[in-house]
Each structure stands twice: as C-alpha cells, then as structure tokens.
Amino acid sequence: MPEDEPGELVDGRVEEEEVPDLVHELVVSWLVHVLRTWLGREGFVFGSEAKYAVRADRGRKPDVAVYLGSDGSHLPKHGIVRVPPDIVVEVVSPSPRDERRDRIEKMDEYAAFGVRYYWILDPSLQSLEVFELLGGRYARAARATEGRMDPVPGCRELVIELDALWEELSRLGPRER
C-alpha cells in the first residue's frame, strides 16, 4: 500500500479509518508526551500515521507505537514498517464498529505480528487495559480506571497518572449537537 494512501489495509482492500475527535487526539498527544518523557533517548514513540504491515494482506495504523530501548537502526526512515513495536496503543472511539475493531480484530492482528504489549485506552469508560503477549495470545496484565497505573507491565519506572488524563479530558466542552 502506498505510503500516502489513507486508511488501513484489510484483506487486501483499503478500509476507511476512524475519524478521530478532540477526545481521541487529546488522549493520543497526552500519551505520546508521557511516553516520550519517560523513554528519553532509550527508544522511540510514534503517532498514528505510521503504517505497519501486520500481515501480508493487513496493514494497520496504531494510535501510538513504542519501541523500547531501540537505537532505531532496524526501523525504516520511510515506507511501511515491518518490525513489530514493543507496545501498541489503541484509543477506543465511541462507535461500535471502531470499538469492535480495536478490541477484537486489531488485538488478534497485533498478537500475530508479535507486538509484546497491547494497550486499550477507552476514554468513554475511563479505563486503561494492558495486555501482554504470552504463547501467541494476549492475556490481561493490568487494568485501571482511576488513580495511577504503577507498575506498568513491561515499562520499568513508568507511571500512568490516569486521574490527570481524565482531568485533562474534562476540560473539553460538551459534545457538539
């Protein structure tokens, strides 16, 4: 799939991607900041426009992708990424179609691709779930809805202050009518 083609590749066809709203974008930018600050120069954090070849007929664009302790020499500067990140984060959008895609379809694809940790952050439920790849399948390693997630599986000394994220989201106005 060409680098500038919008959407994700599913079974050889380009599938329309979700249309993020301000809640989604605020969560993504908040996470990128927290993860980048924690990592320093000991890895990479990428946003939602990088394309990953999770299978021969599937390409995905996770909301956040993290390579822990990487010098980057195995990552391409341009084009499709074929190296699984250590962490993939999907921020759940409120539509049932997008929620199903994040919780079922992408979970199976990222497991087969070899992503060690899959995070699902759901702003509507105010929840963060961390899944760890064990024996080719994901098992939930942690879950939190408030306070702080500490420890974060696979991320020594990282603390996710969920109350701070929910407070940040509460600063947005009401839903447009």
N, C-alpha and C. Protein backbone atom coordinates (compact mmCIF):
# COMPACT_ATOMS: atom_id res chain seq x y z
N MET A 1 0.85 -1.18 0.00
CA MET A 1 0.00 0.00 0.00
C MET A 1 0.89 1.24 0.00
N PRO A 2 0.62 2.16 -0.87
CA PRO A 2 1.45 3.37 -0.92
C PRO A 2 1.43 4.13 0.41
N GLU A 3 2.57 4.76 0.70
CA GLU A 3 2.72 5.46 1.97
C GLU A 3 1.68 6.57 2.15
N ASP A 4 1.28 7.22 1.06
CA ASP A 4 0.35 8.35 1.17
C ASP A 4 -1.11 7.93 1.01
N GLU A 5 -1.39 6.65 0.92
CA GLU A 5 -2.76 6.15 0.81
C GLU A 5 -3.42 6.22 2.19
N PRO A 6 -4.59 6.90 2.32
CA PRO A 6 -5.26 6.95 3.62
C PRO A 6 -5.93 5.62 3.94
N GLY A 7 -6.13 5.34 5.21
CA GLY A 7 -6.84 4.14 5.62
C GLY A 7 -5.90 3.02 6.01
N GLU A 8 -6.51 1.87 6.29
CA GLU A 8 -5.77 0.67 6.69
C GLU A 8 -6.10 -0.44 5.70
N LEU A 9 -5.14 -1.32 5.47
CA LEU A 9 -5.32 -2.44 4.55
C LEU A 9 -5.89 -3.62 5.31
N VAL A 10 -7.06 -4.11 4.85
CA VAL A 10 -7.72 -5.25 5.48
C VAL A 10 -8.13 -6.23 4.38
N ASP A 11 -7.56 -7.42 4.43
CA ASP A 11 -7.84 -8.45 3.43
C ASP A 11 -7.62 -7.95 2.01
N GLY A 12 -6.56 -7.17 1.83
CA GLY A 12 -6.19 -6.69 0.51
C GLY A 12 -6.98 -5.48 0.04
N ARG A 13 -7.92 -4.98 0.84
CA ARG A 13 -8.71 -3.80 0.47
C ARG A 13 -8.43 -2.67 1.45
N VAL A 14 -8.47 -1.44 0.95
CA VAL A 14 -8.28 -0.29 1.83
C VAL A 14 -9.59 -0.06 2.58
N GLU A 15 -9.50 -0.03 3.90
CA GLU A 15 -10.65 0.19 4.77
C GLU A 15 -10.57 1.60 5.33
N GLU A 16 -11.70 2.27 5.32
CA GLU A 16 -11.76 3.63 5.87
C GLU A 16 -11.38 3.58 7.35
N GLU A 17 -10.52 4.51 7.74
CA GLU A 17 -10.12 4.55 9.14
C GLU A 17 -11.08 5.42 9.93
N GLU A 18 -11.03 5.28 11.24
CA GLU A 18 -11.90 6.07 12.10
C GLU A 18 -11.56 7.55 11.96
N VAL A 19 -12.55 8.38 12.22
CA VAL A 19 -12.34 9.82 12.20
C VAL A 19 -12.19 10.28 13.64
N PRO A 20 -10.96 10.58 14.06
CA PRO A 20 -10.75 10.94 15.47
C PRO A 20 -11.36 12.29 15.81
N ASP A 21 -11.85 12.39 17.04
CA ASP A 21 -12.36 13.66 17.54
C ASP A 21 -11.33 14.26 18.50
N LEU A 22 -11.67 15.35 19.13
CA LEU A 22 -10.72 16.01 20.02
C LEU A 22 -10.39 15.16 21.25
N VAL A 23 -11.33 14.38 21.74
CA VAL A 23 -11.05 13.49 22.87
C VAL A 23 -9.95 12.51 22.48
N HIS A 24 -10.13 11.88 21.34
CA HIS A 24 -9.16 10.91 20.83
C HIS A 24 -7.78 11.56 20.66
N GLU A 25 -7.74 12.70 20.04
CA GLU A 25 -6.47 13.38 19.77
C GLU A 25 -5.79 13.86 21.05
N LEU A 26 -6.58 14.30 22.02
CA LEU A 26 -6.01 14.72 23.30
C LEU A 26 -5.38 13.53 24.03
N VAL A 27 -6.08 12.39 24.02
CA VAL A 27 -5.53 11.19 24.66
C VAL A 27 -4.22 10.78 23.98
N VAL A 28 -4.21 10.76 22.65
CA VAL A 28 -3.00 10.36 21.92
C VAL A 28 -1.85 11.31 22.23
N SER A 29 -2.09 12.61 22.17
CA SER A 29 -1.00 13.56 22.41
C SER A 29 -0.52 13.48 23.86
N TRP A 30 -1.43 13.27 24.79
CA TRP A 30 -1.07 13.12 26.20
C TRP A 30 -0.18 11.90 26.40
N LEU A 31 -0.58 10.77 25.81
CA LEU A 31 0.21 9.53 25.92
C LEU A 31 1.59 9.67 25.28
N VAL A 32 1.63 10.26 24.10
CA VAL A 32 2.92 10.45 23.43
C VAL A 32 3.85 11.27 24.31
N HIS A 33 3.34 12.32 24.92
CA HIS A 33 4.15 13.16 25.81
C HIS A 33 4.66 12.35 27.02
N VAL A 34 3.76 11.62 27.67
CA VAL A 34 4.13 10.84 28.85
C VAL A 34 5.18 9.79 28.48
N LEU A 35 4.94 9.07 27.40
CA LEU A 35 5.86 8.00 26.99
C LEU A 35 7.21 8.55 26.52
N ARG A 36 7.18 9.63 25.76
CA ARG A 36 8.42 10.24 25.27
C ARG A 36 9.26 10.76 26.44
N THR A 37 8.60 11.39 27.41
CA THR A 37 9.29 11.90 28.59
C THR A 37 9.93 10.75 29.38
N TRP A 38 9.19 9.67 29.55
CA TRP A 38 9.69 8.51 30.28
C TRP A 38 10.85 7.84 29.55
N LEU A 39 10.74 7.67 28.25
CA LEU A 39 11.78 6.97 27.48
C LEU A 39 13.08 7.75 27.35
N GLY A 40 12.96 9.06 27.24
CA GLY A 40 14.16 9.84 26.95
C GLY A 40 14.71 9.42 25.60
N ARG A 41 16.01 9.08 25.57
CA ARG A 41 16.61 8.64 24.31
C ARG A 41 16.76 7.12 24.26
N GLU A 42 15.99 6.43 25.08
CA GLU A 42 16.09 4.97 25.16
C GLU A 42 15.03 4.26 24.33
N GLY A 43 14.62 4.84 23.24
CA GLY A 43 13.62 4.21 22.39
C GLY A 43 12.91 5.24 21.55
N PHE A 44 11.78 4.84 20.98
CA PHE A 44 11.03 5.71 20.09
C PHE A 44 9.54 5.61 20.39
N VAL A 45 8.84 6.72 20.21
CA VAL A 45 7.38 6.78 20.29
C VAL A 45 6.89 7.39 18.99
N PHE A 46 5.95 6.69 18.34
CA PHE A 46 5.41 7.18 17.08
C PHE A 46 3.90 7.37 17.21
N GLY A 47 3.39 8.35 16.45
CA GLY A 47 1.97 8.64 16.43
C GLY A 47 1.23 7.82 15.39
N SER A 48 0.04 8.26 15.08
CA SER A 48 -0.92 7.43 14.35
C SER A 48 -0.82 7.41 12.83
N GLU A 49 0.16 8.00 12.24
CA GLU A 49 0.22 7.97 10.77
C GLU A 49 1.21 6.95 10.21
N ALA A 50 2.00 6.30 11.06
CA ALA A 50 2.91 5.27 10.58
C ALA A 50 2.11 4.02 10.24
N LYS A 51 2.51 3.35 9.14
CA LYS A 51 1.80 2.15 8.67
C LYS A 51 2.63 0.91 8.95
N TYR A 52 1.98 -0.08 9.54
CA TYR A 52 2.64 -1.33 9.92
C TYR A 52 2.04 -2.48 9.13
N ALA A 53 2.88 -3.30 8.52
CA ALA A 53 2.44 -4.49 7.79
C ALA A 53 2.29 -5.62 8.80
N VAL A 54 1.11 -5.76 9.37
CA VAL A 54 0.90 -6.77 10.40
C VAL A 54 0.73 -8.16 9.81
N ARG A 55 0.34 -8.24 8.56
CA ARG A 55 0.26 -9.49 7.78
C ARG A 55 0.44 -9.11 6.32
N ALA A 56 0.55 -10.10 5.46
CA ALA A 56 0.72 -9.82 4.03
C ALA A 56 -0.46 -9.04 3.46
N ASP A 57 -1.67 -9.30 3.99
CA ASP A 57 -2.87 -8.65 3.47
C ASP A 57 -3.48 -7.67 4.47
N ARG A 58 -2.71 -7.31 5.51
CA ARG A 58 -3.22 -6.38 6.52
C ARG A 58 -2.19 -5.34 6.90
N GLY A 59 -2.63 -4.10 6.91
CA GLY A 59 -1.80 -3.00 7.37
C GLY A 59 -2.58 -2.19 8.38
N ARG A 60 -1.95 -1.81 9.46
CA ARG A 60 -2.63 -1.04 10.50
C ARG A 60 -1.85 0.21 10.84
N LYS A 61 -2.58 1.19 11.41
CA LYS A 61 -2.00 2.45 11.85
C LYS A 61 -2.40 2.64 13.32
N PRO A 62 -1.60 2.09 14.24
CA PRO A 62 -1.97 2.24 15.65
C PRO A 62 -1.92 3.70 16.09
N ASP A 63 -2.67 4.01 17.12
CA ASP A 63 -2.69 5.39 17.62
C ASP A 63 -1.33 5.78 18.19
N VAL A 64 -0.67 4.87 18.88
CA VAL A 64 0.67 5.10 19.43
C VAL A 64 1.44 3.79 19.31
N ALA A 65 2.70 3.87 18.91
CA ALA A 65 3.58 2.70 18.84
C ALA A 65 4.88 3.05 19.54
N VAL A 66 5.41 2.10 20.33
CA VAL A 66 6.60 2.35 21.14
C VAL A 66 7.62 1.24 20.90
N TYR A 67 8.86 1.65 20.68
CA TYR A 67 10.00 0.73 20.61
C TYR A 67 10.86 1.02 21.83
N LEU A 68 10.97 0.06 22.73
CA LEU A 68 11.72 0.22 23.97
C LEU A 68 13.20 -0.07 23.74
N GLY A 69 14.06 0.79 24.27
CA GLY A 69 15.50 0.54 24.23
C GLY A 69 16.08 0.39 22.84
N SER A 70 15.45 0.97 21.86
CA SER A 70 15.88 0.81 20.47
C SER A 70 16.76 1.97 20.02
N ASP A 71 17.78 1.64 19.24
CA ASP A 71 18.59 2.70 18.63
C ASP A 71 18.01 3.12 17.28
N GLY A 72 17.01 2.40 16.80
CA GLY A 72 16.33 2.77 15.56
C GLY A 72 16.96 2.26 14.29
N SER A 73 18.11 1.61 14.38
CA SER A 73 18.81 1.19 13.17
C SER A 73 18.04 0.13 12.37
N HIS A 74 17.13 -0.56 12.99
CA HIS A 74 16.34 -1.58 12.31
C HIS A 74 15.01 -1.05 11.78
N LEU A 75 14.74 0.23 12.00
CA LEU A 75 13.49 0.84 11.57
C LEU A 75 13.70 1.66 10.29
N PRO A 76 12.78 1.55 9.34
CA PRO A 76 12.93 2.31 8.10
C PRO A 76 12.62 3.79 8.32
N LYS A 77 13.33 4.65 7.61
CA LYS A 77 13.02 6.09 7.68
C LYS A 77 11.74 6.41 6.93
N HIS A 78 11.46 5.63 5.89
CA HIS A 78 10.28 5.88 5.05
C HIS A 78 9.60 4.55 4.75
N GLY A 79 8.33 4.63 4.42
CA GLY A 79 7.62 3.44 3.96
C GLY A 79 6.99 2.62 5.08
N ILE A 80 6.56 1.45 4.66
CA ILE A 80 5.85 0.53 5.55
C ILE A 80 6.82 -0.05 6.58
N VAL A 81 6.34 -0.16 7.82
CA VAL A 81 7.15 -0.71 8.91
C VAL A 81 6.79 -2.19 9.06
N ARG A 82 7.82 -3.03 9.05
CA ARG A 82 7.62 -4.48 9.16
C ARG A 82 8.18 -5.04 10.47
N VAL A 83 8.63 -4.16 11.35
CA VAL A 83 9.19 -4.55 12.64
C VAL A 83 8.15 -4.26 13.71
N PRO A 84 7.70 -5.28 14.45
CA PRO A 84 6.66 -5.02 15.45
C PRO A 84 7.18 -4.14 16.59
N PRO A 85 6.38 -3.16 16.98
CA PRO A 85 6.73 -2.36 18.16
C PRO A 85 6.64 -3.21 19.42
N ASP A 86 7.23 -2.74 20.50
CA ASP A 86 7.09 -3.41 21.79
C ASP A 86 5.72 -3.15 22.39
N ILE A 87 5.20 -1.94 22.14
CA ILE A 87 3.89 -1.54 22.67
C ILE A 87 3.09 -0.91 21.54
N VAL A 88 1.83 -1.28 21.44
CA VAL A 88 0.88 -0.61 20.56
C VAL A 88 -0.28 -0.15 21.44
N VAL A 89 -0.71 1.09 21.23
CA VAL A 89 -1.84 1.64 21.97
C VAL A 89 -2.94 1.99 20.98
N GLU A 90 -4.15 1.54 21.29
CA GLU A 90 -5.32 1.97 20.55
C GLU A 90 -6.23 2.71 21.51
N VAL A 91 -6.68 3.88 21.09
CA VAL A 91 -7.63 4.68 21.84
C VAL A 91 -9.00 4.38 21.25
N VAL A 92 -9.89 3.83 22.05
CA VAL A 92 -11.18 3.38 21.57
C VAL A 92 -12.06 4.57 21.23
N SER A 93 -12.61 4.55 20.03
CA SER A 93 -13.57 5.55 19.60
C SER A 93 -14.97 5.07 19.96
N PRO A 94 -15.92 6.00 20.11
CA PRO A 94 -17.23 5.61 20.64
C PRO A 94 -18.11 4.78 19.70
N SER A 95 -17.79 4.66 18.42
CA SER A 95 -18.68 3.90 17.55
C SER A 95 -18.48 2.40 17.76
N PRO A 96 -19.57 1.62 17.72
CA PRO A 96 -19.46 0.17 17.91
C PRO A 96 -18.50 -0.49 16.90
N ARG A 97 -18.50 -0.02 15.67
CA ARG A 97 -17.62 -0.58 14.65
C ARG A 97 -16.15 -0.39 15.03
N ASP A 98 -15.80 0.82 15.47
CA ASP A 98 -14.42 1.11 15.86
C ASP A 98 -14.04 0.35 17.13
N GLU A 99 -14.97 0.25 18.08
CA GLU A 99 -14.68 -0.47 19.32
C GLU A 99 -14.43 -1.95 19.03
N ARG A 100 -15.23 -2.54 18.16
CA ARG A 100 -15.03 -3.95 17.78
C ARG A 100 -13.67 -4.12 17.12
N ARG A 101 -13.34 -3.21 16.23
CA ARG A 101 -12.05 -3.28 15.52
C ARG A 101 -10.89 -3.23 16.51
N ASP A 102 -10.94 -2.31 17.48
CA ASP A 102 -9.85 -2.17 18.45
C ASP A 102 -9.78 -3.35 19.42
N ARG A 103 -10.91 -3.84 19.89
CA ARG A 103 -10.94 -4.87 20.93
C ARG A 103 -10.83 -6.29 20.40
N ILE A 104 -11.18 -6.52 19.14
CA ILE A 104 -11.17 -7.89 18.62
C ILE A 104 -10.21 -8.03 17.44
N GLU A 105 -10.50 -7.33 16.35
CA GLU A 105 -9.71 -7.52 15.12
C GLU A 105 -8.24 -7.14 15.31
N LYS A 106 -8.00 -5.94 15.79
CA LYS A 106 -6.61 -5.48 15.93
C LYS A 106 -5.86 -6.28 16.99
N MET A 107 -6.55 -6.69 18.04
CA MET A 107 -5.89 -7.47 19.09
C MET A 107 -5.30 -8.76 18.49
N ASP A 108 -6.08 -9.46 17.69
CA ASP A 108 -5.59 -10.69 17.06
C ASP A 108 -4.45 -10.41 16.08
N GLU A 109 -4.57 -9.33 15.33
CA GLU A 109 -3.54 -8.99 14.34
C GLU A 109 -2.23 -8.59 15.00
N TYR A 110 -2.30 -7.78 16.04
CA TYR A 110 -1.07 -7.36 16.71
C TYR A 110 -0.40 -8.54 17.41
N ALA A 111 -1.19 -9.47 17.93
CA ALA A 111 -0.61 -10.67 18.55
C ALA A 111 0.14 -11.49 17.49
N ALA A 112 -0.47 -11.70 16.34
CA ALA A 112 0.18 -12.46 15.27
C ALA A 112 1.42 -11.74 14.75
N PHE A 113 1.41 -10.42 14.77
CA PHE A 113 2.55 -9.60 14.32
C PHE A 113 3.71 -9.67 15.31
N GLY A 114 3.41 -9.97 16.58
CA GLY A 114 4.45 -10.10 17.59
C GLY A 114 4.62 -8.90 18.50
N VAL A 115 3.60 -8.04 18.59
CA VAL A 115 3.64 -6.88 19.49
C VAL A 115 3.51 -7.41 20.92
N ARG A 116 4.50 -7.12 21.75
CA ARG A 116 4.55 -7.70 23.10
C ARG A 116 3.45 -7.18 24.03
N TYR A 117 3.17 -5.89 23.96
CA TYR A 117 2.15 -5.30 24.83
C TYR A 117 1.14 -4.53 23.99
N TYR A 118 -0.13 -4.78 24.26
CA TYR A 118 -1.22 -4.09 23.58
C TYR A 118 -2.04 -3.36 24.63
N TRP A 119 -2.09 -2.03 24.51
CA TRP A 119 -2.85 -1.22 25.45
C TRP A 119 -4.14 -0.78 24.77
N ILE A 120 -5.23 -0.86 25.50
CA ILE A 120 -6.50 -0.31 25.03
C ILE A 120 -6.92 0.75 26.04
N LEU A 121 -6.98 1.98 25.57
CA LEU A 121 -7.40 3.09 26.41
C LEU A 121 -8.77 3.53 25.93
N ASP A 122 -9.74 3.47 26.81
CA ASP A 122 -11.12 3.80 26.46
C ASP A 122 -11.56 5.05 27.24
N PRO A 123 -11.59 6.21 26.57
CA PRO A 123 -11.98 7.44 27.26
C PRO A 123 -13.43 7.41 27.76
N SER A 124 -14.33 6.74 27.04
CA SER A 124 -15.73 6.68 27.48
C SER A 124 -15.87 5.93 28.79
N LEU A 125 -15.14 4.84 28.93
CA LEU A 125 -15.18 4.05 30.17
C LEU A 125 -14.15 4.53 31.19
N GLN A 126 -13.32 5.46 30.79
CA GLN A 126 -12.20 5.92 31.61
C GLN A 126 -11.42 4.71 32.13
N SER A 127 -10.91 3.94 31.17
CA SER A 127 -10.17 2.74 31.55
C SER A 127 -8.94 2.56 30.66
N LEU A 128 -7.93 1.94 31.26
CA LEU A 128 -6.72 1.54 30.55
C LEU A 128 -6.50 0.07 30.86
N GLU A 129 -6.40 -0.74 29.80
CA GLU A 129 -6.10 -2.16 29.94
C GLU A 129 -4.78 -2.42 29.22
N VAL A 130 -3.91 -3.19 29.86
CA VAL A 130 -2.63 -3.58 29.28
C VAL A 130 -2.65 -5.09 29.12
N PHE A 131 -2.42 -5.54 27.89
CA PHE A 131 -2.37 -6.97 27.58
C PHE A 131 -0.95 -7.34 27.21
N GLU A 132 -0.51 -8.51 27.67
CA GLU A 132 0.83 -9.00 27.37
C GLU A 132 0.72 -10.25 26.51
N LEU A 133 1.58 -10.33 25.50
CA LEU A 133 1.61 -11.47 24.59
C LEU A 133 2.28 -12.65 25.29
N LEU A 134 1.51 -13.71 25.47
CA LEU A 134 2.02 -14.92 26.12
C LEU A 134 1.56 -16.12 25.29
N GLY A 135 2.50 -16.85 24.73
CA GLY A 135 2.14 -18.03 23.94
C GLY A 135 1.31 -17.72 22.72
N GLY A 136 1.56 -16.57 22.10
CA GLY A 136 0.85 -16.20 20.88
C GLY A 136 -0.51 -15.55 21.08
N ARG A 137 -0.93 -15.36 22.33
CA ARG A 137 -2.22 -14.72 22.63
C ARG A 137 -2.01 -13.68 23.72
N TYR A 138 -2.92 -12.72 23.74
CA TYR A 138 -2.84 -11.69 24.77
C TYR A 138 -3.56 -12.12 26.04
N ALA A 139 -2.93 -11.85 27.17
CA ALA A 139 -3.53 -12.02 28.48
C ALA A 139 -3.49 -10.66 29.17
N ARG A 140 -4.57 -10.31 29.85
CA ARG A 140 -4.59 -9.01 30.52
C ARG A 140 -3.58 -9.03 31.66
N ALA A 141 -2.66 -8.05 31.63
CA ALA A 141 -1.60 -7.95 32.63
C ALA A 141 -1.92 -6.87 33.66
N ALA A 142 -2.74 -5.89 33.29
CA ALA A 142 -3.10 -4.81 34.21
C ALA A 142 -4.34 -4.09 33.70
N ARG A 143 -5.05 -3.49 34.65
CA ARG A 143 -6.24 -2.70 34.30
C ARG A 143 -6.42 -1.65 35.38
N ALA A 144 -6.79 -0.45 34.96
CA ALA A 144 -7.05 0.63 35.92
C ALA A 144 -8.07 1.58 35.35
N THR A 145 -8.84 2.19 36.25
CA THR A 145 -9.81 3.19 35.83
C THR A 145 -9.59 4.54 36.51
N GLU A 146 -8.79 4.54 37.56
CA GLU A 146 -8.54 5.79 38.28
C GLU A 146 -7.19 5.70 38.97
N GLY A 147 -6.81 6.81 39.55
CA GLY A 147 -5.53 6.84 40.26
C GLY A 147 -4.37 6.74 39.29
N ARG A 148 -3.47 5.83 39.60
CA ARG A 148 -2.28 5.68 38.77
C ARG A 148 -2.07 4.21 38.48
N MET A 149 -1.54 3.95 37.29
CA MET A 149 -1.11 2.60 36.98
C MET A 149 0.39 2.56 37.26
N ASP A 150 0.73 1.82 38.30
CA ASP A 150 2.12 1.73 38.75
C ASP A 150 2.25 0.43 39.54
N PRO A 151 2.91 -0.55 39.04
CA PRO A 151 3.74 -0.55 37.84
C PRO A 151 2.93 -0.74 36.56
N VAL A 152 3.55 -0.37 35.45
CA VAL A 152 3.00 -0.63 34.12
C VAL A 152 3.78 -1.82 33.57
N PRO A 153 3.09 -2.90 33.26
CA PRO A 153 3.80 -4.11 32.79
C PRO A 153 4.73 -3.82 31.61
N GLY A 154 5.99 -4.27 31.76
CA GLY A 154 6.98 -4.11 30.70
C GLY A 154 7.65 -2.76 30.65
N CYS A 155 7.25 -1.84 31.53
CA CYS A 155 7.75 -0.47 31.48
C CYS A 155 8.25 -0.05 32.86
N ARG A 156 9.45 -0.49 33.18
CA ARG A 156 10.03 -0.21 34.49
C ARG A 156 10.05 1.29 34.77
N GLU A 157 9.53 1.66 35.91
CA GLU A 157 9.50 3.03 36.43
C GLU A 157 8.54 3.97 35.71
N LEU A 158 7.76 3.46 34.76
CA LEU A 158 6.72 4.29 34.14
C LEU A 158 5.51 4.31 35.06
N VAL A 159 4.94 5.50 35.22
CA VAL A 159 3.71 5.68 35.98
C VAL A 159 2.72 6.40 35.07
N ILE A 160 1.53 5.84 34.94
CA ILE A 160 0.47 6.49 34.15
C ILE A 160 -0.52 7.08 35.15
N GLU A 161 -0.58 8.39 35.17
CA GLU A 161 -1.48 9.12 36.08
C GLU A 161 -2.84 9.28 35.40
N LEU A 162 -3.71 8.27 35.57
CA LEU A 162 -5.00 8.29 34.89
C LEU A 162 -5.88 9.44 35.35
N ASP A 163 -5.86 9.77 36.64
CA ASP A 163 -6.67 10.90 37.10
C ASP A 163 -6.28 12.19 36.39
N ALA A 164 -5.01 12.37 36.11
CA ALA A 164 -4.56 13.57 35.38
C ALA A 164 -5.10 13.56 33.96
N LEU A 165 -5.13 12.39 33.32
CA LEU A 165 -5.69 12.30 31.96
C LEU A 165 -7.18 12.60 31.97
N TRP A 166 -7.92 11.99 32.90
CA TRP A 166 -9.36 12.23 32.95
C TRP A 166 -9.65 13.71 33.26
N GLU A 167 -8.83 14.32 34.12
CA GLU A 167 -8.99 15.75 34.40
C GLU A 167 -8.74 16.58 33.15
N GLU A 168 -7.72 16.23 32.39
CA GLU A 168 -7.43 16.95 31.14
C GLU A 168 -8.62 16.84 30.18
N LEU A 169 -9.18 15.65 30.07
CA LEU A 169 -10.33 15.45 29.17
C LEU A 169 -11.55 16.23 29.65
N SER A 170 -11.71 16.38 30.96
CA SER A 170 -12.88 17.10 31.49
C SER A 170 -12.85 18.58 31.15
N ARG A 171 -11.69 19.08 30.75
CA ARG A 171 -11.58 20.49 30.39
C ARG A 171 -12.21 20.79 29.04
N LEU A 172 -12.47 19.76 28.22
CA LEU A 172 -13.13 19.98 26.94
C LEU A 172 -14.60 20.29 27.17
N GLY A 173 -15.19 21.00 26.25
CA GLY A 173 -16.60 21.37 26.36
C GLY A 173 -17.52 20.21 26.11
N PRO A 174 -18.83 20.50 26.07
CA PRO A 174 -19.81 19.44 25.83
C PRO A 174 -19.75 18.96 24.38
N ARG A 175 -20.36 17.82 24.16
CA ARG A 175 -20.43 17.22 22.83
C ARG A 175 -21.22 18.15 21.89
N GLU A 176 -20.75 18.30 20.65
CA GLU A 176 -21.46 19.12 19.68
C GLU A 176 -22.79 18.47 19.33
N ARG A 177 -23.80 19.32 19.13
CA ARG A 177 -25.13 18.77 18.79
C ARG A 177 -25.40 18.84 17.33
